Structure formats: structure tokens, C-alpha cells
């Protein structure tokens, strides 16, 4: 009788235990929480206040990784500059690349701009452009991959994860219907961006990128390059410069002053600006700033 009781207690404790999930960026936290709800405890490694390519490898992050049952990363090489050393020091087999607890959401995306990385091309990602989360239509495939992995890790609660995904998918598709309608007025606009950060978003909503302030990814522009870009902007009639929150602002201001274009600061993740405190508000911020 005591053995049966002990086994029952162990079984019930397994059902009640939360899954510790570490995610690399804030947008992933919201998706994991939507699917896992009270079954997951989520911690974020990176901050939206900084360049997502470069997260400060603080010792506290090692502790978070060592306690994680599941690690969800953006992938596409976005974390390549900071995550591998942390994973090595955390030495947690549950979330090692290739393990069940390691989830790379880029696997759910047909990525743009796959090319061989060379020094001449700058800081490019051979797997493709990793900023796919800024196309709101990519959120559901990401959520689906996370749901599938949670079901594998915690099969006893598969029905709950499936139900949560279904509810989130309906909620998000309702949002997309409204959002796509708002974005329709932006079709055909021409812009210049600092980094190739918004390419998935621009392609989705048929907004033309005339050029980037970076001559090649990761390289700051020279005065000569900025003058050439300025002349191109004038020729193409570019009226908008899309600036992220973490690159230098001087170059965009220079171009705006001499071209008459407007600088629009767009957040790259939840929390990058105070108004973007959820996934929906992140994208609503885009519509408000681009299409008014």
C-alpha cells in the first residue's frame, strides 16, 4: 500500500511541476506563455533594449540555462555570437543542441537571403535573414513548433497545449485580419532602413526597400556612402527612413535633414519601446508609425 501511495505522490508531483523554459528574446516568452500557460515558467535571456546579435553573457544567464528543461531560440544565427559559450558553461544536457529540450524556431520558417558567408559580405547569416519574427504571419508557425515540443516533453498535458494553441491561433488570425487591413494603405511606399531588420515585414506588405544605411551588414557607413544613398533617395522619392532602437542615429538624421524624409523608429521586439509591451502592440506600433 505504501509503495502504491508513494508512486501516486510521485505521479501527481510530476503533473504539477512546471517546465522551466529559457528563451533568448522577449517575443518568444509571450508565445511560450500563450501555449504553456500555467504549465511553464519562462525566463528571458536577452533584453529588447539592446542589439539582439550581442547579449551581454552575464554569469546569471548560466544559472538560468543550467536550470532549464527547455530552451527556445530564434535561430538563424542570431544568437551565434553569445549563446554557445553560455550553453557550454551551463553544461545542461536537457537543452544541448540536438536534444529534445532545444527548440530552434527558425526551423518553422522559410528564410530569406540564404547565402554563403564571406568577409566581403560583412556580418551575414548563411542560414538566411534571422529577423523573420517581424512578419506577423510567421508567429503561428513558431507557436505550432513550440506546442509540438511541449507535447513531446510533457505528454501528460498534450491536450492542454493543443487547446491553448488552437485558442491562440484563432486570436492571432483575427488580429492579422484587422492588421493586414490597416497595412494595406502602406503598399507601394519606398523606404530606407538602417539594417536588413525589417525585410520580412516589408516584403509581406509590399513596401519597397531602396537601400540600407549599412553598406553591408555590421559595417558603419562612410561619408561617401551616405552621399550616394542620399542621392538615390532623392531620385527614388524616398520619404521614410526606418530606424531601429539600438543602432546609431546620426546617419539617419543626416539623411533626413538633407532629403526631407522622416525618420520612423520601429521596435524590433516586445519592450524595445514602452508602447510595444505585447506582440499585438508591437505590430500595431508599426501600422501607426508607417501608415498614418
C-alpha atoms as a PDB file:
ATOM      1  CA  UNK A   1       0.000   0.000   0.000  1.00  0.00           C
ATOM      2  CA  UNK A   2       2.845   2.361   0.896  1.00  0.00           C
ATOM      3  CA  UNK A   3       4.523   1.699  -2.478  1.00  0.00           C
ATOM      4  CA  UNK A   4       1.310   2.493  -4.340  1.00  0.00           C
ATOM      5  CA  UNK A   5       0.866   5.702  -2.341  1.00  0.00           C
ATOM      6  CA  UNK A   6       4.471   6.746  -3.000  1.00  0.00           C
ATOM      7  CA  UNK A   7       4.082   6.084  -6.721  1.00  0.00           C
ATOM      8  CA  UNK A   8       0.860   8.120  -6.780  1.00  0.00           C
ATOM      9  CA  UNK A   9       2.521  11.045  -4.994  1.00  0.00           C
ATOM     10  CA  UNK A  10       5.420  10.981  -7.454  1.00  0.00           C
ATOM     11  CA  UNK A  11       2.997  10.857 -10.388  1.00  0.00           C
ATOM     12  CA  UNK A  12       0.967  13.788  -9.077  1.00  0.00           C
ATOM     13  CA  UNK A  13       4.099  15.827  -8.376  1.00  0.00           C
ATOM     14  CA  UNK A  14       5.192  15.253 -11.973  1.00  0.00           C
ATOM     15  CA  UNK A  15       1.860  16.555 -13.234  1.00  0.00           C
ATOM     16  CA  UNK A  16       2.033  19.678 -11.062  1.00  0.00           C
ATOM     17  CA  UNK A  17       5.679  20.539 -11.756  1.00  0.00           C
ATOM     18  CA  UNK A  18       6.273  23.495 -14.038  1.00  0.00           C
ATOM     19  CA  UNK A  19       8.516  23.213 -17.068  1.00  0.00           C
ATOM     20  CA  UNK A  20      11.380  25.692 -16.748  1.00  0.00           C
ATOM     21  CA  UNK A  21      11.732  27.338 -20.153  1.00  0.00           C
ATOM     22  CA  UNK A  22      14.543  29.714 -21.087  1.00  0.00           C
ATOM     23  CA  UNK A  23      14.023  31.844 -24.191  1.00  0.00           C
ATOM     24  CA  UNK A  24      16.509  34.100 -25.908  1.00  0.00           C
ATOM     25  CA  UNK A  25      14.208  37.063 -26.655  1.00  0.00           C
ATOM     26  CA  UNK A  26      11.030  38.644 -25.233  1.00  0.00           C
ATOM     27  CA  UNK A  27       8.731  37.809 -28.178  1.00  0.00           C
ATOM     28  CA  UNK A  28       9.422  34.115 -27.594  1.00  0.00           C
ATOM     29  CA  UNK A  29       8.406  34.450 -23.955  1.00  0.00           C
ATOM     30  CA  UNK A  30       4.937  35.658 -24.911  1.00  0.00           C
ATOM     31  CA  UNK A  31       4.414  32.817 -27.391  1.00  0.00           C
ATOM     32  CA  UNK A  32       5.622  30.154 -24.933  1.00  0.00           C
ATOM     33  CA  UNK A  33       3.337  31.556 -22.232  1.00  0.00           C
ATOM     34  CA  UNK A  34       0.356  31.575 -24.590  1.00  0.00           C
ATOM     35  CA  UNK A  35       0.878  27.868 -25.319  1.00  0.00           C
ATOM     36  CA  UNK A  36       2.163  26.656 -21.951  1.00  0.00           C
ATOM     37  CA  UNK A  37       0.121  28.919 -19.636  1.00  0.00           C
ATOM     38  CA  UNK A  38       0.451  27.714 -16.022  1.00  0.00           C
ATOM     39  CA  UNK A  39       2.467  24.653 -17.083  1.00  0.00           C
ATOM     40  CA  UNK A  40       5.559  26.749 -17.847  1.00  0.00           C
ATOM     41  CA  UNK A  41       7.845  29.134 -16.016  1.00  0.00           C
ATOM     42  CA  UNK A  42       9.625  31.321 -18.572  1.00  0.00           C
ATOM     43  CA  UNK A  43      12.827  33.331 -18.209  1.00  0.00           C
ATOM     44  CA  UNK A  44      14.266  35.635 -20.894  1.00  0.00           C
ATOM     45  CA  UNK A  45      17.995  35.765 -21.563  1.00  0.00           C
ATOM     46  CA  UNK A  46      18.183  38.813 -23.859  1.00  0.00           C
ATOM     47  CA  UNK A  47      16.793  42.332 -23.454  1.00  0.00           C
ATOM     48  CA  UNK A  48      14.913  44.261 -26.146  1.00  0.00           C
ATOM     49  CA  UNK A  49      16.890  47.345 -25.137  1.00  0.00           C
ATOM     50  CA  UNK A  50      19.990  46.058 -26.933  1.00  0.00           C
ATOM     51  CA  UNK A  51      21.119  44.644 -30.261  1.00  0.00           C
ATOM     52  CA  UNK A  52      19.809  41.032 -30.389  1.00  0.00           C
ATOM     53  CA  UNK A  53      23.049  39.932 -32.047  1.00  0.00           C
ATOM     54  CA  UNK A  54      25.013  40.839 -28.917  1.00  0.00           C
ATOM     55  CA  UNK A  55      23.675  39.867 -25.492  1.00  0.00           C
ATOM     56  CA  UNK A  56      25.953  40.501 -22.526  1.00  0.00           C
ATOM     57  CA  UNK A  57      26.956  36.986 -21.263  1.00  0.00           C
ATOM     58  CA  UNK A  58      26.330  37.645 -17.566  1.00  0.00           C
ATOM     59  CA  UNK A  59      27.042  34.812 -15.079  1.00  0.00           C
ATOM     60  CA  UNK A  60      23.368  34.849 -14.040  1.00  0.00           C
ATOM     61  CA  UNK A  61      22.425  33.608 -17.525  1.00  0.00           C
ATOM     62  CA  UNK A  62      24.496  30.471 -16.963  1.00  0.00           C
ATOM     63  CA  UNK A  63      22.419  29.689 -13.881  1.00  0.00           C
ATOM     64  CA  UNK A  64      19.176  30.147 -15.799  1.00  0.00           C
ATOM     65  CA  UNK A  65      20.356  27.794 -18.523  1.00  0.00           C
ATOM     66  CA  UNK A  66      21.578  25.191 -16.051  1.00  0.00           C
ATOM     67  CA  UNK A  67      18.083  25.016 -14.503  1.00  0.00           C
ATOM     68  CA  UNK A  68      16.138  24.966 -17.781  1.00  0.00           C
ATOM     69  CA  UNK A  69      14.164  21.975 -19.048  1.00  0.00           C
ATOM     70  CA  UNK A  70      13.658  23.630 -22.420  1.00  0.00           C
ATOM     71  CA  UNK A  71      15.486  26.340 -24.381  1.00  0.00           C
ATOM     72  CA  UNK A  72      13.729  28.219 -27.176  1.00  0.00           C
ATOM     73  CA  UNK A  73      15.941  30.237 -29.508  1.00  0.00           C
ATOM     74  CA  UNK A  74      15.247  32.417 -32.547  1.00  0.00           C
ATOM     75  CA  UNK A  75      17.954  30.642 -34.547  1.00  0.00           C
ATOM     76  CA  UNK A  76      19.172  31.551 -37.993  1.00  0.00           C
ATOM     77  CA  UNK A  77      22.494  32.501 -36.424  1.00  0.00           C
ATOM     78  CA  UNK A  78      21.044  35.426 -34.427  1.00  0.00           C
ATOM     79  CA  UNK A  79      22.396  34.053 -31.128  1.00  0.00           C
ATOM     80  CA  UNK A  80      25.650  32.721 -32.596  1.00  0.00           C
ATOM     81  CA  UNK A  81      27.782  35.485 -31.098  1.00  0.00           C
ATOM     82  CA  UNK A  82      26.761  34.996 -27.474  1.00  0.00           C
ATOM     83  CA  UNK A  83      24.780  31.826 -26.701  1.00  0.00           C
ATOM     84  CA  UNK A  84      27.225  28.929 -27.417  1.00  0.00           C
ATOM     85  CA  UNK A  85      29.729  29.858 -24.654  1.00  0.00           C
ATOM     86  CA  UNK A  86      26.890  30.161 -22.141  1.00  0.00           C
ATOM     87  CA  UNK A  87      25.484  26.763 -23.107  1.00  0.00           C
ATOM     88  CA  UNK A  88      28.929  25.221 -22.769  1.00  0.00           C
ATOM     89  CA  UNK A  89      29.385  26.609 -19.259  1.00  0.00           C
ATOM     90  CA  UNK A  90      25.833  25.685 -18.193  1.00  0.00           C
ATOM     91  CA  UNK A  91      26.549  22.067 -19.215  1.00  0.00           C
ATOM     92  CA  UNK A  92      22.867  21.108 -19.237  1.00  0.00           C
ATOM     93  CA  UNK A  93      22.200  18.051 -21.451  1.00  0.00           C
ATOM     94  CA  UNK A  94      18.442  18.763 -21.408  1.00  0.00           C
ATOM     95  CA  UNK A  95      18.900  21.835 -23.621  1.00  0.00           C
ATOM     96  CA  UNK A  96      22.011  20.958 -25.605  1.00  0.00           C
ATOM     97  CA  UNK A  97      21.662  21.469 -29.390  1.00  0.00           C
ATOM     98  CA  UNK A  98      20.039  18.368 -30.833  1.00  0.00           C
ATOM     99  CA  UNK A  99      18.280  17.439 -27.602  1.00  0.00           C
ATOM    100  CA  UNK A 100      14.503  17.333 -27.135  1.00  0.00           C
ATOM    101  CA  UNK A 101      14.640  20.441 -24.961  1.00  0.00           C
ATOM    102  CA  UNK A 102      16.455  22.557 -27.565  1.00  0.00           C
ATOM    103  CA  UNK A 103      13.989  24.386 -29.831  1.00  0.00           C
ATOM    104  CA  UNK A 104      15.184  26.487 -32.783  1.00  0.00           C
ATOM    105  CA  UNK A 105      12.089  28.269 -34.131  1.00  0.00           C
ATOM    106  CA  UNK A 106      13.808  29.240 -37.393  1.00  0.00           C
ATOM    107  CA  UNK A 107      13.127  25.617 -38.418  1.00  0.00           C
ATOM    108  CA  UNK A 108       9.468  26.599 -38.821  1.00  0.00           C
ATOM    109  CA  UNK A 109      10.300  29.394 -41.304  1.00  0.00           C
ATOM    110  CA  UNK A 110      11.196  29.529 -44.984  1.00  0.00           C
ATOM    111  CA  UNK A 111      14.025  32.007 -44.525  1.00  0.00           C
ATOM    112  CA  UNK A 112      15.043  34.776 -46.910  1.00  0.00           C
ATOM    113  CA  UNK A 113      18.525  35.609 -48.193  1.00  0.00           C
ATOM    114  CA  UNK A 114      20.328  32.336 -47.661  1.00  0.00           C
ATOM    115  CA  UNK A 115      23.882  32.806 -48.903  1.00  0.00           C
ATOM    116  CA  UNK A 116      27.448  31.820 -48.251  1.00  0.00           C
ATOM    117  CA  UNK A 117      29.075  33.990 -45.591  1.00  0.00           C
ATOM    118  CA  UNK A 118      32.333  35.713 -46.607  1.00  0.00           C
ATOM    119  CA  UNK A 119      34.286  38.601 -45.087  1.00  0.00           C
ATOM    120  CA  UNK A 120      33.422  40.769 -48.102  1.00  0.00           C
ATOM    121  CA  UNK A 121      29.701  40.409 -47.397  1.00  0.00           C
ATOM    122  CA  UNK A 122      30.018  41.574 -43.788  1.00  0.00           C
ATOM    123  CA  UNK A 123      28.075  40.081 -40.896  1.00  0.00           C
ATOM    124  CA  UNK A 124      25.673  37.931 -42.921  1.00  0.00           C
ATOM    125  CA  UNK A 125      23.941  34.787 -41.727  1.00  0.00           C
ATOM    126  CA  UNK A 126      24.386  31.824 -44.096  1.00  0.00           C
ATOM    127  CA  UNK A 127      21.160  30.266 -42.758  1.00  0.00           C
ATOM    128  CA  UNK A 128      19.275  33.330 -44.012  1.00  0.00           C
ATOM    129  CA  UNK A 129      17.975  36.602 -42.600  1.00  0.00           C
ATOM    130  CA  UNK A 130      17.112  35.802 -38.946  1.00  0.00           C
ATOM    131  CA  UNK A 131      14.619  38.645 -38.403  1.00  0.00           C
ATOM    132  CA  UNK A 132      11.603  36.623 -39.530  1.00  0.00           C
ATOM    133  CA  UNK A 133       9.593  37.292 -36.352  1.00  0.00           C
ATOM    134  CA  UNK A 134       8.788  40.783 -37.665  1.00  0.00           C
ATOM    135  CA  UNK A 135       6.443  39.281 -40.234  1.00  0.00           C
ATOM    136  CA  UNK A 136       3.346  38.735 -38.070  1.00  0.00           C
ATOM    137  CA  UNK A 137       2.263  35.860 -40.315  1.00  0.00           C
ATOM    138  CA  UNK A 138       5.263  33.867 -39.012  1.00  0.00           C
ATOM    139  CA  UNK A 139       4.001  33.876 -35.428  1.00  0.00           C
ATOM    140  CA  UNK A 140       1.570  30.945 -35.804  1.00  0.00           C
ATOM    141  CA  UNK A 141       4.162  28.529 -37.325  1.00  0.00           C
ATOM    142  CA  UNK A 142       6.513  29.430 -34.469  1.00  0.00           C
ATOM    143  CA  UNK A 143       3.752  28.770 -31.917  1.00  0.00           C
ATOM    144  CA  UNK A 144       2.961  25.434 -33.563  1.00  0.00           C
ATOM    145  CA  UNK A 145       6.586  24.260 -33.281  1.00  0.00           C
ATOM    146  CA  UNK A 146       6.691  25.246 -29.610  1.00  0.00           C
ATOM    147  CA  UNK A 147       3.421  23.398 -28.965  1.00  0.00           C
ATOM    148  CA  UNK A 148       4.758  20.226 -30.600  1.00  0.00           C
ATOM    149  CA  UNK A 149       7.895  20.278 -28.465  1.00  0.00           C
ATOM    150  CA  UNK A 150       5.994  20.928 -25.235  1.00  0.00           C
ATOM    151  CA  UNK A 151       3.779  17.961 -26.057  1.00  0.00           C
ATOM    152  CA  UNK A 152       6.856  15.771 -26.505  1.00  0.00           C
ATOM    153  CA  UNK A 153       8.408  16.950 -23.252  1.00  0.00           C
ATOM    154  CA  UNK A 154       5.172  16.774 -21.265  1.00  0.00           C
ATOM    155  CA  UNK A 155       2.832  14.254 -22.967  1.00  0.00           C
ATOM    156  CA  UNK A 156       0.551  14.078 -19.928  1.00  0.00           C
ATOM    157  CA  UNK A 157      -0.594  17.625 -20.710  1.00  0.00           C
ATOM    158  CA  UNK A 158      -0.721  17.380 -24.510  1.00  0.00           C
ATOM    159  CA  UNK A 159      -4.443  18.095 -24.613  1.00  0.00           C
ATOM    160  CA  UNK A 160      -3.928  21.363 -22.745  1.00  0.00           C
ATOM    161  CA  UNK A 161      -1.159  22.539 -25.110  1.00  0.00           C
ATOM    162  CA  UNK A 162      -3.257  21.616 -28.130  1.00  0.00           C
ATOM    163  CA  UNK A 163      -6.214  23.557 -26.749  1.00  0.00           C
ATOM    164  CA  UNK A 164      -4.061  26.592 -25.960  1.00  0.00           C
ATOM    165  CA  UNK A 165      -2.536  26.611 -29.456  1.00  0.00           C
ATOM    166  CA  UNK A 166      -5.989  26.426 -31.032  1.00  0.00           C
ATOM    167  CA  UNK A 167      -7.187  29.400 -28.979  1.00  0.00           C
ATOM    168  CA  UNK A 168      -4.042  31.428 -29.682  1.00  0.00           C
ATOM    169  CA  UNK A 169      -4.168  30.661 -33.412  1.00  0.00           C
ATOM    170  CA  UNK A 170      -7.751  31.923 -33.642  1.00  0.00           C
ATOM    171  CA  UNK A 171      -6.886  35.024 -31.611  1.00  0.00           C
ATOM    172  CA  UNK A 172      -3.848  35.778 -33.764  1.00  0.00           C
ATOM    173  CA  UNK A 173      -5.598  35.215 -37.088  1.00  0.00           C
ATOM    174  CA  UNK A 174      -8.387  37.566 -36.003  1.00  0.00           C
ATOM    175  CA  UNK A 175      -5.699  40.125 -35.196  1.00  0.00           C
ATOM    176  CA  UNK A 176      -3.992  39.567 -38.563  1.00  0.00           C
ATOM    177  CA  UNK A 177      -7.231  40.209 -40.422  1.00  0.00           C
ATOM    178  CA  UNK A 178      -7.525  43.626 -38.775  1.00  0.00           C
ATOM    179  CA  UNK A 179      -3.814  44.392 -39.036  1.00  0.00           C
ATOM    180  CA  UNK A 180      -3.487  43.475 -42.713  1.00  0.00           C
ATOM    181  CA  UNK A 181      -6.363  45.819 -43.466  1.00  0.00           C
ATOM    182  CA  UNK A 182      -4.549  48.663 -41.700  1.00  0.00           C
ATOM    183  CA  UNK A 183      -1.326  47.930 -43.561  1.00  0.00           C
ATOM    184  CA  UNK A 184      -2.999  47.987 -46.990  1.00  0.00           C
ATOM    185  CA  UNK A 185      -2.584  51.778 -47.158  1.00  0.00           C
ATOM    186  CA  UNK A 186       1.212  51.379 -46.883  1.00  0.00           C
ATOM    187  CA  UNK A 187       1.542  49.293 -50.055  1.00  0.00           C
ATOM    188  CA  UNK A 188       3.951  50.789 -52.568  1.00  0.00           C
ATOM    189  CA  UNK A 189       5.770  53.080 -50.150  1.00  0.00           C
ATOM    190  CA  UNK A 190       9.538  53.378 -50.528  1.00  0.00           C
ATOM    191  CA  UNK A 191      11.851  53.303 -47.511  1.00  0.00           C
ATOM    192  CA  UNK A 192      15.464  53.165 -46.452  1.00  0.00           C
ATOM    193  CA  UNK A 193      16.374  51.064 -43.398  1.00  0.00           C
ATOM    194  CA  UNK A 194      19.473  51.020 -41.224  1.00  0.00           C
ATOM    195  CA  UNK A 195      19.910  47.233 -41.141  1.00  0.00           C
ATOM    196  CA  UNK A 196      18.122  44.465 -43.049  1.00  0.00           C
ATOM    197  CA  UNK A 197      15.937  44.113 -39.979  1.00  0.00           C
ATOM    198  CA  UNK A 198      12.501  44.712 -41.472  1.00  0.00           C
ATOM    199  CA  UNK A 199      12.851  42.804 -44.770  1.00  0.00           C
ATOM    200  CA  UNK A 200      10.263  40.109 -43.947  1.00  0.00           C
ATOM    201  CA  UNK A 201       7.774  42.761 -42.862  1.00  0.00           C
ATOM    202  CA  UNK A 202       8.404  44.944 -45.908  1.00  0.00           C
ATOM    203  CA  UNK A 203       8.022  42.016 -48.289  1.00  0.00           C
ATOM    204  CA  UNK A 204       4.773  40.918 -46.644  1.00  0.00           C
ATOM    205  CA  UNK A 205       3.186  44.356 -47.024  1.00  0.00           C
ATOM    206  CA  UNK A 206       4.695  45.253 -50.409  1.00  0.00           C
ATOM    207  CA  UNK A 207       6.807  48.144 -49.149  1.00  0.00           C
ATOM    208  CA  UNK A 208       9.961  48.721 -51.210  1.00  0.00           C
ATOM    209  CA  UNK A 209      13.351  48.936 -49.521  1.00  0.00           C
ATOM    210  CA  UNK A 210      15.515  51.222 -51.658  1.00  0.00           C
ATOM    211  CA  UNK A 211      18.666  50.683 -49.610  1.00  0.00           C
ATOM    212  CA  UNK A 212      20.260  50.320 -46.178  1.00  0.00           C
ATOM    213  CA  UNK A 213      22.317  52.804 -44.185  1.00  0.00           C
ATOM    214  CA  UNK A 214      24.786  49.996 -43.514  1.00  0.00           C
ATOM    215  CA  UNK A 215      26.728  49.419 -46.762  1.00  0.00           C
ATOM    216  CA  UNK A 216      26.998  45.760 -45.744  1.00  0.00           C
ATOM    217  CA  UNK A 217      25.667  44.107 -42.558  1.00  0.00           C
ATOM    218  CA  UNK A 218      27.615  45.071 -39.452  1.00  0.00           C
ATOM    219  CA  UNK A 219      29.666  47.815 -41.172  1.00  0.00           C
ATOM    220  CA  UNK A 220      29.121  51.507 -40.374  1.00  0.00           C
ATOM    221  CA  UNK A 221      28.565  53.825 -43.362  1.00  0.00           C
ATOM    222  CA  UNK A 222      31.251  56.159 -44.681  1.00  0.00           C
ATOM    223  CA  UNK A 223      30.507  59.777 -45.636  1.00  0.00           C
ATOM    224  CA  UNK A 224      30.896  58.883 -49.296  1.00  0.00           C
ATOM    225  CA  UNK A 225      28.415  56.012 -48.998  1.00  0.00           C
ATOM    226  CA  UNK A 226      25.847  58.221 -47.233  1.00  0.00           C
ATOM    227  CA  UNK A 227      26.046  60.832 -50.000  1.00  0.00           C
ATOM    228  CA  UNK A 228      25.480  58.113 -52.618  1.00  0.00           C
ATOM    229  CA  UNK A 229      22.491  56.802 -50.623  1.00  0.00           C
ATOM    230  CA  UNK A 230      21.142  60.363 -50.239  1.00  0.00           C
ATOM    231  CA  UNK A 231      21.241  60.890 -54.000  1.00  0.00           C
ATOM    232  CA  UNK A 232      19.461  57.589 -54.530  1.00  0.00           C
ATOM    233  CA  UNK A 233      16.765  58.550 -52.016  1.00  0.00           C
ATOM    234  CA  UNK A 234      16.138  61.834 -53.813  1.00  0.00           C
ATOM    235  CA  UNK A 235      15.969  60.092 -57.178  1.00  0.00           C
ATOM    236  CA  UNK A 236      13.553  57.400 -55.892  1.00  0.00           C
ATOM    237  CA  UNK A 237      11.426  59.798 -53.863  1.00  0.00           C
ATOM    238  CA  UNK A 238      12.001  58.063 -50.534  1.00  0.00           C
ATOM    239  CA  UNK A 239      10.060  59.763 -47.726  1.00  0.00           C
ATOM    240  CA  UNK A 240      10.664  57.337 -44.844  1.00  0.00           C
ATOM    241  CA  UNK A 241      13.802  56.140 -43.051  1.00  0.00           C
ATOM    242  CA  UNK A 242      13.227  53.157 -40.760  1.00  0.00           C
ATOM    243  CA  UNK A 243      15.498  53.265 -37.729  1.00  0.00           C
ATOM    244  CA  UNK A 244      15.771  50.578 -35.071  1.00  0.00           C
ATOM    245  CA  UNK A 245      16.299  51.396 -31.405  1.00  0.00           C
ATOM    246  CA  UNK A 246      19.855  50.111 -30.982  1.00  0.00           C
ATOM    247  CA  UNK A 247      21.967  51.359 -33.914  1.00  0.00           C
ATOM    248  CA  UNK A 248      23.461  54.846 -34.025  1.00  0.00           C
ATOM    249  CA  UNK A 249      21.009  57.592 -35.054  1.00  0.00           C
ATOM    250  CA  UNK A 250      23.365  60.197 -36.570  1.00  0.00           C
ATOM    251  CA  UNK A 251      23.358  58.736 -40.077  1.00  0.00           C
ATOM    252  CA  UNK A 252      19.550  58.602 -40.284  1.00  0.00           C
ATOM    253  CA  UNK A 253      19.304  62.210 -39.060  1.00  0.00           C
ATOM    254  CA  UNK A 254      21.861  63.305 -41.657  1.00  0.00           C
ATOM    255  CA  UNK A 255      19.852  61.692 -44.464  1.00  0.00           C
ATOM    256  CA  UNK A 256      16.566  63.057 -43.153  1.00  0.00           C
ATOM    257  CA  UNK A 257      17.853  66.631 -42.880  1.00  0.00           C
ATOM    258  CA  UNK A 258      19.155  66.659 -46.443  1.00  0.00           C
ATOM    259  CA  UNK A 259      16.369  64.690 -48.134  1.00  0.00           C
ATOM    260  CA  UNK A 260      13.260  65.837 -46.281  1.00  0.00           C
ATOM    261  CA  UNK A 261      12.468  62.233 -45.375  1.00  0.00           C
ATOM    262  CA  UNK A 262      11.057  61.372 -41.958  1.00  0.00           C
ATOM    263  CA  UNK A 263      12.863  59.081 -39.512  1.00  0.00           C
ATOM    264  CA  UNK A 264      10.500  56.460 -38.072  1.00  0.00           C
ATOM    265  CA  UNK A 265      11.777  54.442 -35.114  1.00  0.00           C
ATOM    266  CA  UNK A 266      10.353  50.910 -35.112  1.00  0.00           C
ATOM    267  CA  UNK A 267      10.790  48.429 -32.231  1.00  0.00           C
ATOM    268  CA  UNK A 268      12.344  45.070 -33.084  1.00  0.00           C
ATOM    269  CA  UNK A 269      10.871  43.212 -30.114  1.00  0.00           C
ATOM    270  CA  UNK A 270       8.451  43.497 -27.225  1.00  0.00           C
ATOM    271  CA  UNK A 271       9.749  46.149 -24.846  1.00  0.00           C
ATOM    272  CA  UNK A 272      12.075  47.931 -27.286  1.00  0.00           C
ATOM    273  CA  UNK A 273       9.792  50.963 -26.872  1.00  0.00           C
ATOM    274  CA  UNK A 274       7.362  51.394 -23.999  1.00  0.00           C
ATOM    275  CA  UNK A 275       4.277  51.273 -26.241  1.00  0.00           C
ATOM    276  CA  UNK A 276       5.207  47.821 -27.582  1.00  0.00           C
ATOM    277  CA  UNK A 277       4.510  45.771 -24.458  1.00  0.00           C
ATOM    278  CA  UNK A 278       2.872  42.806 -26.230  1.00  0.00           C
ATOM    279  CA  UNK A 279       3.020  41.105 -29.621  1.00  0.00           C
ATOM    280  CA  UNK A 280      -0.156  42.800 -30.808  1.00  0.00           C
ATOM    281  CA  UNK A 281       1.030  46.225 -29.672  1.00  0.00           C
ATOM    282  CA  UNK A 282       4.432  45.641 -31.280  1.00  0.00           C
ATOM    283  CA  UNK A 283       2.809  45.319 -34.691  1.00  0.00           C
ATOM    284  CA  UNK A 284       0.139  47.950 -34.051  1.00  0.00           C
ATOM    285  CA  UNK A 285       3.061  50.289 -33.439  1.00  0.00           C
ATOM    286  CA  UNK A 286       4.254  49.565 -36.991  1.00  0.00           C
ATOM    287  CA  UNK A 287       0.889  50.379 -38.548  1.00  0.00           C
ATOM    288  CA  UNK A 288       0.566  53.594 -36.544  1.00  0.00           C
ATOM    289  CA  UNK A 289       4.035  54.854 -37.389  1.00  0.00           C
ATOM    290  CA  UNK A 290       4.179  53.770 -41.031  1.00  0.00           C
ATOM    291  CA  UNK A 291       0.674  54.185 -42.380  1.00  0.00           C
ATOM    292  CA  UNK A 292      -0.684  57.357 -40.806  1.00  0.00           C
END
